[in-house]
Amino acid sequence: WYRQAPEKGRELVAEITSGGSTRYS
């Protein structure tokens, strides 16, 4: 998941790999 506020760049919020591991901003 990414997010973008008006006039801001797109930010990586969270990701999950095929193996199920996760990471967050």
PDB file of all heavy atoms in Angstrom:
ATOM      1  N   TRP A   1       0.833  -1.185   0.000  1.00  0.00           N
ATOM      2  CA  TRP A   1       0.000   0.000   0.000  1.00  0.00           C
ATOM      3  C   TRP A   1       0.874   1.243   0.000  1.00  0.00           C
ATOM      4  O   TRP A   1       1.838   1.333   0.768  1.00  0.00           O
ATOM      5  CB  TRP A   1      -0.924   0.039   1.225  1.00  0.00           C
ATOM      6  CG  TRP A   1      -1.986  -1.012   1.214  1.00  0.00           C
ATOM      7  CD1 TRP A   1      -1.913  -2.274   1.731  1.00  0.00           C
ATOM      8  CD2 TRP A   1      -3.301  -0.888   0.657  1.00  0.00           C
ATOM      9  NE1 TRP A   1      -3.088  -2.947   1.537  1.00  0.00           N
ATOM     10  CE2 TRP A   1      -3.958  -2.118   0.873  1.00  0.00           C
ATOM     11  CE3 TRP A   1      -3.979   0.133   0.002  1.00  0.00           C
ATOM     12  CZ2 TRP A   1      -5.266  -2.350   0.462  1.00  0.00           C
ATOM     13  CZ3 TRP A   1      -5.282  -0.093  -0.413  1.00  0.00           C
ATOM     14  CH2 TRP A   1      -5.913  -1.314  -0.183  1.00  0.00           C
ATOM     15  N   TYR A   2       0.552   2.173  -0.876  1.00  0.00           N
ATOM     16  CA  TYR A   2       1.149   3.494  -0.914  1.00  0.00           C
ATOM     17  C   TYR A   2       0.070   4.523  -0.599  1.00  0.00           C
ATOM     18  O   TYR A   2      -1.125   4.249  -0.707  1.00  0.00           O
ATOM     19  CB  TYR A   2       1.744   3.798  -2.287  1.00  0.00           C
ATOM     20  CG  TYR A   2       3.043   3.090  -2.603  1.00  0.00           C
ATOM     21  CD1 TYR A   2       3.066   1.740  -2.928  1.00  0.00           C
ATOM     22  CD2 TYR A   2       4.255   3.779  -2.597  1.00  0.00           C
ATOM     23  CE1 TYR A   2       4.251   1.090  -3.229  1.00  0.00           C
ATOM     24  CE2 TYR A   2       5.442   3.135  -2.903  1.00  0.00           C
ATOM     25  CZ  TYR A   2       5.431   1.795  -3.217  1.00  0.00           C
ATOM     26  OH  TYR A   2       6.619   1.167  -3.519  1.00  0.00           O
ATOM     27  N   ARG A   3       0.497   5.721  -0.231  1.00  0.00           N
ATOM     28  CA  ARG A   3      -0.447   6.811  -0.050  1.00  0.00           C
ATOM     29  C   ARG A   3       0.156   8.103  -0.572  1.00  0.00           C
ATOM     30  O   ARG A   3       1.377   8.265  -0.615  1.00  0.00           O
ATOM     31  CB  ARG A   3      -0.861   6.969   1.418  1.00  0.00           C
ATOM     32  CG  ARG A   3       0.244   7.420   2.361  1.00  0.00           C
ATOM     33  CD  ARG A   3      -0.253   7.407   3.800  1.00  0.00           C
ATOM     34  NE  ARG A   3       0.763   7.859   4.743  1.00  0.00           N
ATOM     35  CZ  ARG A   3       0.620   7.827   6.062  1.00  0.00           C
ATOM     36  NH1 ARG A   3      -0.503   7.350   6.604  1.00  0.00           N
ATOM     37  NH2 ARG A   3       1.602   8.270   6.844  1.00  0.00           N
ATOM     38  N   GLN A   4      -0.722   9.022  -0.958  1.00  0.00           N
ATOM     39  CA  GLN A   4      -0.285  10.300  -1.485  1.00  0.00           C
ATOM     40  C   GLN A   4      -1.267  11.384  -1.058  1.00  0.00           C
ATOM     41  O   GLN A   4      -2.451  11.314  -1.370  1.00  0.00           O
ATOM     42  CB  GLN A   4      -0.182  10.265  -3.007  1.00  0.00           C
ATOM     43  CG  GLN A   4       0.407  11.526  -3.609  1.00  0.00           C
ATOM     44  CD  GLN A   4       0.757  11.359  -5.074  1.00  0.00           C
ATOM     45  OE1 GLN A   4       0.281  10.441  -5.743  1.00  0.00           O
ATOM     46  NE2 GLN A   4       1.602  12.240  -5.574  1.00  0.00           N
ATOM     47  N   ALA A   5      -0.756  12.368  -0.338  1.00  0.00           N
ATOM     48  CA  ALA A   5      -1.524  13.539   0.032  1.00  0.00           C
ATOM     49  C   ALA A   5      -1.374  14.602  -1.054  1.00  0.00           C
ATOM     50  O   ALA A   5      -0.412  14.568  -1.832  1.00  0.00           O
ATOM     51  CB  ALA A   5      -1.060  14.087   1.380  1.00  0.00           C
ATOM     52  N   PRO A   6      -2.321  15.560  -1.137  1.00  0.00           N
ATOM     53  CA  PRO A   6      -2.214  16.601  -2.159  1.00  0.00           C
ATOM     54  C   PRO A   6      -0.882  17.328  -2.089  1.00  0.00           C
ATOM     55  O   PRO A   6      -0.409  17.705  -1.016  1.00  0.00           O
ATOM     56  CB  PRO A   6      -3.380  17.539  -1.827  1.00  0.00           C
ATOM     57  CG  PRO A   6      -4.379  16.660  -1.149  1.00  0.00           C
ATOM     58  CD  PRO A   6      -3.559  15.683  -0.352  1.00  0.00           C
ATOM     59  N   GLU A   7      -0.262  17.506  -3.227  1.00  0.00           N
ATOM     60  CA  GLU A   7       1.014  18.209  -3.376  1.00  0.00           C
ATOM     61  C   GLU A   7       2.170  17.480  -2.695  1.00  0.00           C
ATOM     62  O   GLU A   7       3.253  18.058  -2.506  1.00  0.00           O
ATOM     63  CB  GLU A   7       0.912  19.645  -2.848  1.00  0.00           C
ATOM     64  CG  GLU A   7      -0.241  20.443  -3.432  1.00  0.00           C
ATOM     65  CD  GLU A   7      -0.141  20.597  -4.936  1.00  0.00           C
ATOM     66  OE1 GLU A   7       0.999  20.701  -5.452  1.00  0.00           O
ATOM     67  OE2 GLU A   7      -1.181  20.614  -5.606  1.00  0.00           O
ATOM     68  N   LYS A   8       1.965  16.221  -2.338  1.00  0.00           N
ATOM     69  CA  LYS A   8       3.011  15.425  -1.716  1.00  0.00           C
ATOM     70  C   LYS A   8       3.377  14.242  -2.603  1.00  0.00           C
ATOM     71  O   LYS A   8       2.615  13.835  -3.475  1.00  0.00           O
ATOM     72  CB  LYS A   8       2.568  14.921  -0.346  1.00  0.00           C
ATOM     73  CG  LYS A   8       2.176  16.009   0.641  1.00  0.00           C
ATOM     74  CD  LYS A   8       3.361  16.859   1.041  1.00  0.00           C
ATOM     75  CE  LYS A   8       2.961  17.876   2.094  1.00  0.00           C
ATOM     76  NZ  LYS A   8       4.101  18.727   2.510  1.00  0.00           N
ATOM     77  N   GLY A   9       4.556  13.685  -2.364  1.00  0.00           N
ATOM     78  CA  GLY A   9       4.975  12.515  -3.089  1.00  0.00           C
ATOM     79  C   GLY A   9       4.287  11.254  -2.591  1.00  0.00           C
ATOM     80  O   GLY A   9       3.696  11.227  -1.513  1.00  0.00           O
ATOM     81  N   ARG A  10       4.370  10.213  -3.390  1.00  0.00           N
ATOM     82  CA  ARG A  10       3.769   8.941  -3.010  1.00  0.00           C
ATOM     83  C   ARG A  10       4.675   8.219  -2.013  1.00  0.00           C
ATOM     84  O   ARG A  10       5.873   8.043  -2.260  1.00  0.00           O
ATOM     85  CB  ARG A  10       3.524   8.086  -4.248  1.00  0.00           C
ATOM     86  CG  ARG A  10       2.732   6.818  -3.975  1.00  0.00           C
ATOM     87  CD  ARG A  10       2.259   6.159  -5.268  1.00  0.00           C
ATOM     88  NE  ARG A  10       1.289   6.996  -5.971  1.00  0.00           N
ATOM     89  CZ  ARG A  10       0.626   6.613  -7.058  1.00  0.00           C
ATOM     90  NH1 ARG A  10       0.829   5.405  -7.566  1.00  0.00           N
ATOM     91  NH2 ARG A  10      -0.226   7.440  -7.640  1.00  0.00           N
ATOM     92  N   GLU A  11       4.100   7.779  -0.904  1.00  0.00           N
ATOM     93  CA  GLU A  11       4.830   7.186   0.207  1.00  0.00           C
ATOM     94  C   GLU A  11       4.453   5.722   0.372  1.00  0.00           C
ATOM     95  O   GLU A  11       3.273   5.381   0.409  1.00  0.00           O
ATOM     96  CB  GLU A  11       4.530   7.952   1.502  1.00  0.00           C
ATOM     97  CG  GLU A  11       5.102   7.313   2.760  1.00  0.00           C
ATOM     98  CD  GLU A  11       4.546   7.909   4.038  1.00  0.00           C
ATOM     99  OE1 GLU A  11       3.505   8.598   3.978  1.00  0.00           O
ATOM    100  OE2 GLU A  11       5.152   7.689   5.114  1.00  0.00           O
ATOM    101  N   LEU A  12       5.449   4.863   0.500  1.00  0.00           N
ATOM    102  CA  LEU A  12       5.200   3.458   0.811  1.00  0.00           C
ATOM    103  C   LEU A  12       4.750   3.339   2.260  1.00  0.00           C
ATOM    104  O   LEU A  12       5.446   3.788   3.172  1.00  0.00           O
ATOM    105  CB  LEU A  12       6.451   2.618   0.567  1.00  0.00           C
ATOM    106  CG  LEU A  12       6.354   1.135   0.949  1.00  0.00           C
ATOM    107  CD1 LEU A  12       5.305   0.425   0.093  1.00  0.00           C
ATOM    108  CD2 LEU A  12       7.702   0.445   0.812  1.00  0.00           C
ATOM    109  N   VAL A  13       3.599   2.710   2.476  1.00  0.00           N
ATOM    110  CA  VAL A  13       3.016   2.572   3.800  1.00  0.00           C
ATOM    111  C   VAL A  13       3.307   1.201   4.395  1.00  0.00           C
ATOM    112  O   VAL A  13       3.741   1.088   5.547  1.00  0.00           O
ATOM    113  CB  VAL A  13       1.498   2.821   3.765  1.00  0.00           C
ATOM    114  CG1 VAL A  13       0.876   2.588   5.144  1.00  0.00           C
ATOM    115  CG2 VAL A  13       1.201   4.231   3.279  1.00  0.00           C
ATOM    116  N   ALA A  14       3.048   0.145   3.632  1.00  0.00           N
ATOM    117  CA  ALA A  14       3.215  -1.216   4.125  1.00  0.00           C
ATOM    118  C   ALA A  14       3.364  -2.161   2.952  1.00  0.00           C
ATOM    119  O   ALA A  14       2.880  -1.890   1.851  1.00  0.00           O
ATOM    120  CB  ALA A  14       2.024  -1.639   4.991  1.00  0.00           C
ATOM    121  N   GLU A  15       4.030  -3.279   3.190  1.00  0.00           N
ATOM    122  CA  GLU A  15       4.162  -4.300   2.165  1.00  0.00           C
ATOM    123  C   GLU A  15       4.198  -5.674   2.812  1.00  0.00           C
ATOM    124  O   GLU A  15       4.584  -5.818   3.971  1.00  0.00           O
ATOM    125  CB  GLU A  15       5.407  -4.080   1.304  1.00  0.00           C
ATOM    126  CG  GLU A  15       6.724  -4.201   2.057  1.00  0.00           C
ATOM    127  CD  GLU A  15       7.936  -4.002   1.161  1.00  0.00           C
ATOM    128  OE1 GLU A  15       7.765  -3.544   0.020  1.00  0.00           O
ATOM    129  OE2 GLU A  15       9.067  -4.303   1.611  1.00  0.00           O
ATOM    130  N   ILE A  16       3.802  -6.679   2.042  1.00  0.00           N
ATOM    131  CA  ILE A  16       3.835  -8.062   2.489  1.00  0.00           C
ATOM    132  C   ILE A  16       4.378  -8.902   1.349  1.00  0.00           C
ATOM    133  O   ILE A  16       3.950  -8.774   0.204  1.00  0.00           O
ATOM    134  CB  ILE A  16       2.440  -8.547   2.952  1.00  0.00           C
ATOM    135  CG1 ILE A  16       2.512  -9.981   3.473  1.00  0.00           C
ATOM    136  CG2 ILE A  16       1.407  -8.410   1.844  1.00  0.00           C
ATOM    137  CD1 ILE A  16       1.238 -10.423   4.190  1.00  0.00           C
ATOM    138  N   THR A  17       5.341  -9.765   1.644  1.00  0.00           N
ATOM    139  CA  THR A  17       5.972 -10.583   0.622  1.00  0.00           C
ATOM    140  C   THR A  17       5.165 -11.845   0.374  1.00  0.00           C
ATOM    141  O   THR A  17       4.215 -12.163   1.091  1.00  0.00           O
ATOM    142  CB  THR A  17       7.398 -10.965   1.024  1.00  0.00           C
ATOM    143  OG1 THR A  17       7.351 -11.876   2.131  1.00  0.00           O
ATOM    144  CG2 THR A  17       8.199  -9.737   1.430  1.00  0.00           C
ATOM    145  N   SER A  18       5.564 -12.582  -0.661  1.00  0.00           N
ATOM    146  CA  SER A  18       4.897 -13.842  -0.968  1.00  0.00           C
ATOM    147  C   SER A  18       5.032 -14.846   0.166  1.00  0.00           C
ATOM    148  O   SER A  18       4.188 -15.732   0.309  1.00  0.00           O
ATOM    149  CB  SER A  18       5.452 -14.434  -2.264  1.00  0.00           C
ATOM    150  OG  SER A  18       6.849 -14.685  -2.150  1.00  0.00           O
ATOM    151  N   GLY A  19       6.089 -14.720   0.967  1.00  0.00           N
ATOM    152  CA  GLY A  19       6.283 -15.596   2.104  1.00  0.00           C
ATOM    153  C   GLY A  19       5.551 -15.161   3.357  1.00  0.00           C
ATOM    154  O   GLY A  19       5.568 -15.887   4.357  1.00  0.00           O
ATOM    155  N   GLY A  20       4.927 -13.985   3.326  1.00  0.00           N
ATOM    156  CA  GLY A  20       4.140 -13.526   4.448  1.00  0.00           C
ATOM    157  C   GLY A  20       4.832 -12.550   5.382  1.00  0.00           C
ATOM    158  O   GLY A  20       4.215 -12.093   6.344  1.00  0.00           O
ATOM    159  N   SER A  21       6.082 -12.220   5.117  1.00  0.00           N
ATOM    160  CA  SER A  21       6.757 -11.247   5.961  1.00  0.00           C
ATOM    161  C   SER A  21       6.258  -9.842   5.646  1.00  0.00           C
ATOM    162  O   SER A  21       5.883  -9.541   4.511  1.00  0.00           O
ATOM    163  CB  SER A  21       8.272 -11.330   5.786  1.00  0.00           C
ATOM    164  OG  SER A  21       8.644 -11.035   4.449  1.00  0.00           O
ATOM    165  N   THR A  22       6.245  -8.983   6.648  1.00  0.00           N
ATOM    166  CA  THR A  22       5.693  -7.643   6.506  1.00  0.00           C
ATOM    167  C   THR A  22       6.684  -6.593   6.968  1.00  0.00           C
ATOM    168  O   THR A  22       7.593  -6.860   7.759  1.00  0.00           O
ATOM    169  CB  THR A  22       4.395  -7.494   7.314  1.00  0.00           C
ATOM    170  OG1 THR A  22       4.663  -7.735   8.704  1.00  0.00           O
ATOM    171  CG2 THR A  22       3.342  -8.486   6.837  1.00  0.00           C
ATOM    172  N   ARG A  23       6.486  -5.376   6.469  1.00  0.00           N
ATOM    173  CA  ARG A  23       7.233  -4.229   6.931  1.00  0.00           C
ATOM    174  C   ARG A  23       6.361  -2.991   6.771  1.00  0.00           C
ATOM    175  O   ARG A  23       5.456  -2.963   5.934  1.00  0.00           O
ATOM    176  CB  ARG A  23       8.562  -4.066   6.195  1.00  0.00           C
ATOM    177  CG  ARG A  23       8.433  -3.810   4.707  1.00  0.00           C
ATOM    178  CD  ARG A  23       9.806  -3.825   4.039  1.00  0.00           C
ATOM    179  NE  ARG A  23      10.672  -2.770   4.545  1.00  0.00           N
ATOM    180  CZ  ARG A  23      10.771  -1.549   4.022  1.00  0.00           C
ATOM    181  NH1 ARG A  23      10.040  -1.213   2.969  1.00  0.00           N
ATOM    182  NH2 ARG A  23      11.606  -0.666   4.551  1.00  0.00           N
ATOM    183  N   TYR A  24       6.661  -1.966   7.579  1.00  0.00           N
ATOM    184  CA  TYR A  24       5.844  -0.769   7.623  1.00  0.00           C
ATOM    185  C   TYR A  24       6.714   0.474   7.666  1.00  0.00           C
ATOM    186  O   TYR A  24       7.858   0.434   8.130  1.00  0.00           O
ATOM    187  CB  TYR A  24       4.933  -0.777   8.849  1.00  0.00           C
ATOM    188  CG  TYR A  24       4.026  -1.979   8.930  1.00  0.00           C
ATOM    189  CD1 TYR A  24       4.439  -3.151   9.556  1.00  0.00           C
ATOM    190  CD2 TYR A  24       2.753  -1.947   8.369  1.00  0.00           C
ATOM    191  CE1 TYR A  24       3.608  -4.261   9.624  1.00  0.00           C
ATOM    192  CE2 TYR A  24       1.920  -3.053   8.433  1.00  0.00           C
ATOM    193  CZ  TYR A  24       2.351  -4.201   9.060  1.00  0.00           C
ATOM    194  OH  TYR A  24       1.524  -5.302   9.123  1.00  0.00           O
ATOM    195  N   SER A  25       6.172   1.572   7.202  1.00  0.00           N
ATOM    196  CA  SER A  25       6.848   2.838   7.376  1.00  0.00           C
ATOM    197  C   SER A  25       6.839   3.208   8.855  1.00  0.00           C
ATOM    198  O   SER A  25       5.961   2.789   9.617  1.00  0.00           O
ATOM    199  CB  SER A  25       6.176   3.935   6.551  1.00  0.00           C
ATOM    200  OG  SER A  25       4.898   4.248   7.063  1.00  0.00           O
TER     201      SER A  25
END
